[in-house]
All heavy atoms as atom14 arrays in JSON, in Angstrom:
{
  "sequence": "SLLWEKKRIAIPVAVDTDAVVVASLKRELTGSNGFD",
  "atom14_mask": [
    [1, 1, 1, 1, 1, 1, 0, 0, 0, 0, 0, 0, 0, 0],
    [1, 1, 1, 1, 1, 1, 1, 1, 0, 0, 0, 0, 0, 0],
    [1, 1, 1, 1, 1, 1, 1, 1, 0, 0, 0, 0, 0, 0],
    [1, 1, 1, 1, 1, 1, 1, 1, 1, 1, 1, 1, 1, 1],
    [1, 1, 1, 1, 1, 1, 1, 1, 1, 0, 0, 0, 0, 0],
    [1, 1, 1, 1, 1, 1, 1, 1, 1, 0, 0, 0, 0, 0],
    [1, 1, 1, 1, 1, 1, 1, 1, 1, 0, 0, 0, 0, 0],
    [1, 1, 1, 1, 1, 1, 1, 1, 1, 1, 1, 0, 0, 0],
    [1, 1, 1, 1, 1, 1, 1, 1, 0, 0, 0, 0, 0, 0],
    [1, 1, 1, 1, 1, 0, 0, 0, 0, 0, 0, 0, 0, 0],
    [1, 1, 1, 1, 1, 1, 1, 1, 0, 0, 0, 0, 0, 0],
    [1, 1, 1, 1, 1, 1, 1, 0, 0, 0, 0, 0, 0, 0],
    [1, 1, 1, 1, 1, 1, 1, 0, 0, 0, 0, 0, 0, 0],
    [1, 1, 1, 1, 1, 0, 0, 0, 0, 0, 0, 0, 0, 0],
    [1, 1, 1, 1, 1, 1, 1, 0, 0, 0, 0, 0, 0, 0],
    [1, 1, 1, 1, 1, 1, 1, 1, 0, 0, 0, 0, 0, 0],
    [1, 1, 1, 1, 1, 1, 1, 0, 0, 0, 0, 0, 0, 0],
    [1, 1, 1, 1, 1, 1, 1, 1, 0, 0, 0, 0, 0, 0],
    [1, 1, 1, 1, 1, 0, 0, 0, 0, 0, 0, 0, 0, 0],
    [1, 1, 1, 1, 1, 1, 1, 0, 0, 0, 0, 0, 0, 0],
    [1, 1, 1, 1, 1, 1, 1, 0, 0, 0, 0, 0, 0, 0],
    [1, 1, 1, 1, 1, 1, 1, 0, 0, 0, 0, 0, 0, 0],
    [1, 1, 1, 1, 1, 0, 0, 0, 0, 0, 0, 0, 0, 0],
    [1, 1, 1, 1, 1, 1, 0, 0, 0, 0, 0, 0, 0, 0],
    [1, 1, 1, 1, 1, 1, 1, 1, 0, 0, 0, 0, 0, 0],
    [1, 1, 1, 1, 1, 1, 1, 1, 1, 0, 0, 0, 0, 0],
    [1, 1, 1, 1, 1, 1, 1, 1, 1, 1, 1, 0, 0, 0],
    [1, 1, 1, 1, 1, 1, 1, 1, 1, 0, 0, 0, 0, 0],
    [1, 1, 1, 1, 1, 1, 1, 1, 0, 0, 0, 0, 0, 0],
    [1, 1, 1, 1, 1, 1, 1, 0, 0, 0, 0, 0, 0, 0],
    [1, 1, 1, 1, 0, 0, 0, 0, 0, 0, 0, 0, 0, 0],
    [1, 1, 1, 1, 1, 1, 0, 0, 0, 0, 0, 0, 0, 0],
    [1, 1, 1, 1, 1, 1, 1, 1, 0, 0, 0, 0, 0, 0],
    [1, 1, 1, 1, 0, 0, 0, 0, 0, 0, 0, 0, 0, 0],
    [1, 1, 1, 1, 1, 1, 1, 1, 1, 1, 1, 0, 0, 0],
    [1, 1, 1, 1, 1, 1, 1, 1, 0, 0, 0, 0, 0, 0]
  ],
  "atom14_positions": [
    [[3.44, 0.68, 16.12], [4.0, 0.9, 17.46], [4.39, -0.41, 18.1], [3.66, -1.41, 18.0], [2.99, 1.61, 18.36], [2.74, 2.92, 17.91], [0.0, 0.0, 0.0], [0.0, 0.0, 0.0], [0.0, 0.0, 0.0], [0.0, 0.0, 0.0], [0.0, 0.0, 0.0], [0.0, 0.0, 0.0], [0.0, 0.0, 0.0], [0.0, 0.0, 0.0]],
    [[5.55, -0.4, 18.74], [5.95, -1.48, 19.64], [5.52, -1.07, 21.04], [5.87, 0.03, 21.5], [7.46, -1.71, 19.56], [8.04, -2.81, 20.46], [9.32, -3.36, 19.84], [8.35, -2.31, 21.88], [0.0, 0.0, 0.0], [0.0, 0.0, 0.0], [0.0, 0.0, 0.0], [0.0, 0.0, 0.0], [0.0, 0.0, 0.0], [0.0, 0.0, 0.0]],
    [[4.79, -1.93, 21.71], [4.3, -1.67, 23.07], [4.79, -2.78, 23.99], [4.54, -3.96, 23.75], [2.76, -1.62, 23.07], [2.12, -0.54, 22.2], [0.7, -0.91, 21.85], [2.16, 0.8, 22.9], [0.0, 0.0, 0.0], [0.0, 0.0, 0.0], [0.0, 0.0, 0.0], [0.0, 0.0, 0.0], [0.0, 0.0, 0.0], [0.0, 0.0, 0.0]],
    [[5.48, -2.37, 25.06], [5.96, -3.38, 26.02], [6.21, -2.71, 27.35], [6.67, -1.58, 27.4], [7.23, -4.04, 25.5], [7.54, -5.35, 26.17], [6.65, -6.19, 26.78], [8.81, -5.98, 26.27], [7.28, -7.31, 27.27], [8.62, -7.22, 26.95], [10.09, -5.65, 25.85], [9.66, -8.09, 27.23], [11.13, -6.52, 26.11], [10.92, -7.73, 26.79]],
    [[5.87, -3.44, 28.42], [5.92, -2.89, 29.76], [5.05, -1.64, 29.76], [3.88, -1.72, 29.4], [7.39, -2.63, 30.16], [7.59, -2.46, 31.65], [8.03, -1.05, 31.97], [8.23, -0.24, 31.06], [8.18, -0.75, 33.16], [0.0, 0.0, 0.0], [0.0, 0.0, 0.0], [0.0, 0.0, 0.0], [0.0, 0.0, 0.0], [0.0, 0.0, 0.0]],
    [[5.57, -0.49, 30.05], [4.75, 0.73, 30.01], [5.31, 1.74, 29.01], [5.1, 2.94, 29.15], [4.67, 1.36, 31.41], [3.92, 0.49, 32.43], [3.81, 1.18, 33.77], [3.04, 0.31, 34.76], [2.9, 0.96, 36.09], [0.0, 0.0, 0.0], [0.0, 0.0, 0.0], [0.0, 0.0, 0.0], [0.0, 0.0, 0.0], [0.0, 0.0, 0.0]],
    [[5.97, 1.22, 27.99], [6.6, 2.1, 27.01], [6.1, 1.8, 25.6], [5.55, 0.74, 25.31], [8.13, 1.94, 27.07], [8.74, 2.33, 28.41], [8.61, 3.83, 28.68], [9.31, 4.24, 29.97], [9.18, 5.7, 30.23], [0.0, 0.0, 0.0], [0.0, 0.0, 0.0], [0.0, 0.0, 0.0], [0.0, 0.0, 0.0], [0.0, 0.0, 0.0]],
    [[6.36, 2.77, 24.73], [5.93, 2.69, 23.32], [7.02, 3.25, 22.44], [7.63, 4.28, 22.76], [4.63, 3.49, 23.13], [4.16, 3.69, 21.71], [2.87, 4.52, 21.72], [2.29, 4.7, 20.4], [2.34, 5.83, 19.69], [2.96, 6.89, 20.22], [1.77, 5.91, 18.52], [0.0, 0.0, 0.0], [0.0, 0.0, 0.0], [0.0, 0.0, 0.0]],
    [[7.24, 2.58, 21.29], [8.13, 3.08, 20.26], [7.32, 3.14, 18.98], [6.85, 2.12, 18.48], [9.37, 2.18, 20.08], [10.18, 2.11, 21.37], [10.23, 2.67, 18.92], [11.28, 1.07, 21.38], [0.0, 0.0, 0.0], [0.0, 0.0, 0.0], [0.0, 0.0, 0.0], [0.0, 0.0, 0.0], [0.0, 0.0, 0.0], [0.0, 0.0, 0.0]],
    [[7.11, 4.35, 18.46], [6.23, 4.55, 17.31], [7.05, 4.75, 16.03], [8.08, 5.43, 16.04], [5.32, 5.75, 17.54], [0.0, 0.0, 0.0], [0.0, 0.0, 0.0], [0.0, 0.0, 0.0], [0.0, 0.0, 0.0], [0.0, 0.0, 0.0], [0.0, 0.0, 0.0], [0.0, 0.0, 0.0], [0.0, 0.0, 0.0], [0.0, 0.0, 0.0]],
    [[6.56, 4.14, 14.94], [7.22, 4.22, 13.65], [6.18, 4.63, 12.6], [5.32, 3.83, 12.23], [7.84, 2.87, 13.25], [8.71, 2.32, 14.39], [8.63, 2.99, 11.96], [9.1, 0.86, 14.2], [0.0, 0.0, 0.0], [0.0, 0.0, 0.0], [0.0, 0.0, 0.0], [0.0, 0.0, 0.0], [0.0, 0.0, 0.0], [0.0, 0.0, 0.0]],
    [[6.2, 5.88, 12.12], [5.23, 6.29, 11.09], [5.62, 5.75, 9.72], [6.78, 5.81, 9.31], [5.32, 7.82, 11.14], [6.69, 8.1, 11.63], [7.07, 6.98, 12.56], [0.0, 0.0, 0.0], [0.0, 0.0, 0.0], [0.0, 0.0, 0.0], [0.0, 0.0, 0.0], [0.0, 0.0, 0.0], [0.0, 0.0, 0.0], [0.0, 0.0, 0.0]],
    [[4.61, 5.23, 9.01], [4.82, 4.68, 7.67], [3.86, 5.39, 6.71], [2.66, 5.5, 6.99], [4.55, 3.16, 7.63], [4.79, 2.62, 6.23], [5.45, 2.44, 8.65], [0.0, 0.0, 0.0], [0.0, 0.0, 0.0], [0.0, 0.0, 0.0], [0.0, 0.0, 0.0], [0.0, 0.0, 0.0], [0.0, 0.0, 0.0], [0.0, 0.0, 0.0]],
    [[4.38, 5.87, 5.6], [3.55, 6.55, 4.6], [3.64, 5.81, 3.28], [4.68, 5.24, 2.93], [4.01, 8.0, 4.43], [0.0, 0.0, 0.0], [0.0, 0.0, 0.0], [0.0, 0.0, 0.0], [0.0, 0.0, 0.0], [0.0, 0.0, 0.0], [0.0, 0.0, 0.0], [0.0, 0.0, 0.0], [0.0, 0.0, 0.0], [0.0, 0.0, 0.0]],
    [[2.53, 5.84, 2.54], [2.46, 5.18, 1.24], [1.9, 6.18, 0.23], [0.92, 6.86, 0.51], [1.54, 3.94, 1.29], [1.52, 3.24, -0.06], [1.99, 2.97, 2.38], [0.0, 0.0, 0.0], [0.0, 0.0, 0.0], [0.0, 0.0, 0.0], [0.0, 0.0, 0.0], [0.0, 0.0, 0.0], [0.0, 0.0, 0.0], [0.0, 0.0, 0.0]],
    [[2.53, 6.25, -0.94], [1.98, 7.07, -2.04], [0.92, 6.21, -2.72], [1.13, 5.64, -3.78], [3.09, 7.46, -3.01], [2.6, 8.47, -4.06], [1.36, 8.67, -4.15], [3.44, 9.02, -4.79], [0.0, 0.0, 0.0], [0.0, 0.0, 0.0], [0.0, 0.0, 0.0], [0.0, 0.0, 0.0], [0.0, 0.0, 0.0], [0.0, 0.0, 0.0]],
    [[-0.25, 6.15, -2.08], [-1.28, 5.2, -2.51], [-1.75, 5.46, -3.93], [-1.96, 4.51, -4.7], [-2.45, 5.23, -1.52], [-1.99, 4.73, -0.25], [-3.61, 4.37, -2.01], [0.0, 0.0, 0.0], [0.0, 0.0, 0.0], [0.0, 0.0, 0.0], [0.0, 0.0, 0.0], [0.0, 0.0, 0.0], [0.0, 0.0, 0.0], [0.0, 0.0, 0.0]],
    [[-1.93, 6.71, -4.29], [-2.39, 6.98, -5.65], [-1.41, 6.45, -6.69], [-1.81, 5.83, -7.68], [-2.63, 8.48, -5.86], [-3.9, 8.97, -5.18], [-4.81, 8.14, -4.97], [-3.98, 10.16, -4.86], [0.0, 0.0, 0.0], [0.0, 0.0, 0.0], [0.0, 0.0, 0.0], [0.0, 0.0, 0.0], [0.0, 0.0, 0.0], [0.0, 0.0, 0.0]],
    [[-0.13, 6.67, -6.48], [0.87, 6.17, -7.42], [0.87, 4.64, -7.45], [0.99, 4.03, -8.52], [2.26, 6.69, -7.04], [0.0, 0.0, 0.0], [0.0, 0.0, 0.0], [0.0, 0.0, 0.0], [0.0, 0.0, 0.0], [0.0, 0.0, 0.0], [0.0, 0.0, 0.0], [0.0, 0.0, 0.0], [0.0, 0.0, 0.0], [0.0, 0.0, 0.0]],
    [[0.73, 4.03, -6.27], [0.69, 2.57, -6.2], [-0.52, 2.02, -6.93], [-0.42, 1.05, -7.69], [0.68, 2.11, -4.72], [0.37, 0.62, -4.61], [2.02, 2.42, -4.05], [0.0, 0.0, 0.0], [0.0, 0.0, 0.0], [0.0, 0.0, 0.0], [0.0, 0.0, 0.0], [0.0, 0.0, 0.0], [0.0, 0.0, 0.0], [0.0, 0.0, 0.0]],
    [[-1.67, 2.66, -6.72], [-2.9, 2.19, -7.36], [-2.83, 2.34, -8.87], [-3.2, 1.43, -9.62], [-4.13, 2.94, -6.8], [-5.38, 2.62, -7.61], [-4.36, 2.56, -5.34], [0.0, 0.0, 0.0], [0.0, 0.0, 0.0], [0.0, 0.0, 0.0], [0.0, 0.0, 0.0], [0.0, 0.0, 0.0], [0.0, 0.0, 0.0], [0.0, 0.0, 0.0]],
    [[-2.35, 3.49, -9.35], [-2.27, 3.7, -10.79], [-1.35, 2.67, -11.44], [-1.66, 2.09, -12.49], [-1.81, 5.14, -11.11], [-1.52, 5.3, -12.6], [-2.87, 6.13, -10.67], [0.0, 0.0, 0.0], [0.0, 0.0, 0.0], [0.0, 0.0, 0.0], [0.0, 0.0, 0.0], [0.0, 0.0, 0.0], [0.0, 0.0, 0.0], [0.0, 0.0, 0.0]],
    [[-0.2, 2.42, -10.8], [0.71, 1.4, -11.34], [0.06, 0.03, -11.34], [0.21, -0.74, -12.29], [2.0, 1.38, -10.51], [0.0, 0.0, 0.0], [0.0, 0.0, 0.0], [0.0, 0.0, 0.0], [0.0, 0.0, 0.0], [0.0, 0.0, 0.0], [0.0, 0.0, 0.0], [0.0, 0.0, 0.0], [0.0, 0.0, 0.0], [0.0, 0.0, 0.0]],
    [[-0.69, -0.27, -10.28], [-1.39, -1.55, -10.19], [-2.46, -1.66, -11.27], [-2.62, -2.7, -11.92], [-2.01, -1.71, -8.8], [-2.78, -2.9, -8.72], [0.0, 0.0, 0.0], [0.0, 0.0, 0.0], [0.0, 0.0, 0.0], [0.0, 0.0, 0.0], [0.0, 0.0, 0.0], [0.0, 0.0, 0.0], [0.0, 0.0, 0.0], [0.0, 0.0, 0.0]],
    [[-3.22, -0.58, -11.48], [-4.26, -0.59, -12.51], [-3.66, -0.82, -13.89], [-4.21, -1.58, -14.7], [-5.04, 0.72, -12.48], [-5.95, 0.95, -11.27], [-6.51, 2.37, -11.3], [-7.07, -0.07, -11.22], [0.0, 0.0, 0.0], [0.0, 0.0, 0.0], [0.0, 0.0, 0.0], [0.0, 0.0, 0.0], [0.0, 0.0, 0.0], [0.0, 0.0, 0.0]],
    [[-2.55, -0.17, -14.17], [-1.9, -0.35, -15.47], [-1.52, -1.81, -15.69], [-1.69, -2.34, -16.8], [-0.67, 0.55, -15.57], [-0.99, 2.02, -15.72], [0.28, 2.85, -15.78], [-0.03, 4.33, -15.98], [1.2, 5.16, -16.01], [0.0, 0.0, 0.0], [0.0, 0.0, 0.0], [0.0, 0.0, 0.0], [0.0, 0.0, 0.0], [0.0, 0.0, 0.0]],
    [[-1.01, -2.46, -14.66], [-0.66, -3.88, -14.79], [-1.9, -4.74, -14.97], [-1.95, -5.62, -15.85], [0.11, -4.35, -13.55], [1.52, -3.81, -13.43], [2.29, -4.56, -12.35], [1.64, -4.48, -11.06], [1.85, -3.52, -10.17], [2.69, -2.53, -10.46], [1.24, -3.52, -9.0], [0.0, 0.0, 0.0], [0.0, 0.0, 0.0], [0.0, 0.0, 0.0]],
    [[-2.91, -4.49, -14.13], [-4.11, -5.33, -14.15], [-4.88, -5.2, -15.46], [-5.49, -6.17, -15.92], [-5.0, -4.99, -12.97], [-4.41, -5.39, -11.63], [-5.3, -5.02, -10.45], [-6.21, -4.18, -10.62], [-5.08, -5.57, -9.37], [0.0, 0.0, 0.0], [0.0, 0.0, 0.0], [0.0, 0.0, 0.0], [0.0, 0.0, 0.0], [0.0, 0.0, 0.0]],
    [[-4.83, -4.04, -16.08], [-5.57, -3.83, -17.31], [-4.89, -4.46, -18.52], [-5.45, -4.46, -19.62], [-5.8, -2.34, -17.55], [-6.8, -1.68, -16.6], [-6.78, -0.16, -16.74], [-8.21, -2.22, -16.83], [0.0, 0.0, 0.0], [0.0, 0.0, 0.0], [0.0, 0.0, 0.0], [0.0, 0.0, 0.0], [0.0, 0.0, 0.0], [0.0, 0.0, 0.0]],
    [[-3.69, -4.99, -18.33], [-3.04, -5.76, -19.4], [-3.39, -7.24, -19.31], [-3.01, -8.01, -20.2], [-1.51, -5.61, -19.37], [-1.01, -6.17, -18.14], [-1.1, -4.15, -19.48], [0.0, 0.0, 0.0], [0.0, 0.0, 0.0], [0.0, 0.0, 0.0], [0.0, 0.0, 0.0], [0.0, 0.0, 0.0], [0.0, 0.0, 0.0], [0.0, 0.0, 0.0]],
    [[-4.1, -7.63, -18.27], [-4.52, -9.02, -18.1], [-5.96, -9.21, -18.54], [-6.48, -8.48, -19.4], [0.0, 0.0, 0.0], [0.0, 0.0, 0.0], [0.0, 0.0, 0.0], [0.0, 0.0, 0.0], [0.0, 0.0, 0.0], [0.0, 0.0, 0.0], [0.0, 0.0, 0.0], [0.0, 0.0, 0.0], [0.0, 0.0, 0.0], [0.0, 0.0, 0.0]],
    [[-6.64, -10.15, -17.9], [-8.02, -10.45, -18.29], [-8.94, -9.26, -18.1], [-9.95, -9.11, -18.81], [-8.53, -11.65, -17.49], [-8.5, -11.38, -16.09], [0.0, 0.0, 0.0], [0.0, 0.0, 0.0], [0.0, 0.0, 0.0], [0.0, 0.0, 0.0], [0.0, 0.0, 0.0], [0.0, 0.0, 0.0], [0.0, 0.0, 0.0], [0.0, 0.0, 0.0]],
    [[-8.62, -8.37, -17.14], [-9.45, -7.18, -16.93], [-9.48, -6.28, -18.16], [-10.42, -5.5, -18.35], [-8.94, -6.38, -15.73], [-9.33, -7.01, -14.42], [-10.46, -7.38, -14.21], [-8.36, -7.15, -13.52], [0.0, 0.0, 0.0], [0.0, 0.0, 0.0], [0.0, 0.0, 0.0], [0.0, 0.0, 0.0], [0.0, 0.0, 0.0], [0.0, 0.0, 0.0]],
    [[-8.46, -6.38, -18.99], [-8.4, -5.54, -20.17], [-9.48, -5.85, -21.2], [-9.69, -5.07, -22.13], [0.0, 0.0, 0.0], [0.0, 0.0, 0.0], [0.0, 0.0, 0.0], [0.0, 0.0, 0.0], [0.0, 0.0, 0.0], [0.0, 0.0, 0.0], [0.0, 0.0, 0.0], [0.0, 0.0, 0.0], [0.0, 0.0, 0.0], [0.0, 0.0, 0.0]],
    [[-10.17, -6.99, -21.03], [-11.25, -7.36, -21.94], [-12.63, -7.03, -21.35], [-13.64, -7.43, -21.91], [-11.17, -8.87, -22.25], [-9.9, -9.26, -22.93], [-8.8, -9.71, -22.18], [-9.76, -9.16, -24.31], [-7.62, -10.06, -22.81], [-8.57, -9.51, -24.94], [-7.49, -9.97, -24.19], [0.0, 0.0, 0.0], [0.0, 0.0, 0.0], [0.0, 0.0, 0.0]],
    [[-12.63, -6.33, -20.24], [-13.88, -6.01, -19.54], [-14.08, -4.5, -19.55], [-13.3, -3.75, -18.94], [-13.81, -6.53, -18.1], [-15.12, -6.36, -17.34], [-15.99, -5.59, -17.8], [-15.27, -7.0, -16.28], [0.0, 0.0, 0.0], [0.0, 0.0, 0.0], [0.0, 0.0, 0.0], [0.0, 0.0, 0.0], [0.0, 0.0, 0.0], [0.0, 0.0, 0.0]]
  ]
}
């Protein structure tokens, strides 16, 4: 939200967190984490 004077402008943001996390895990498991 932008807040100024006595007004507000709201901007909703959504993230497909599960998809982001799975993609991140796939990348991370190809690095040093892949040996753990």
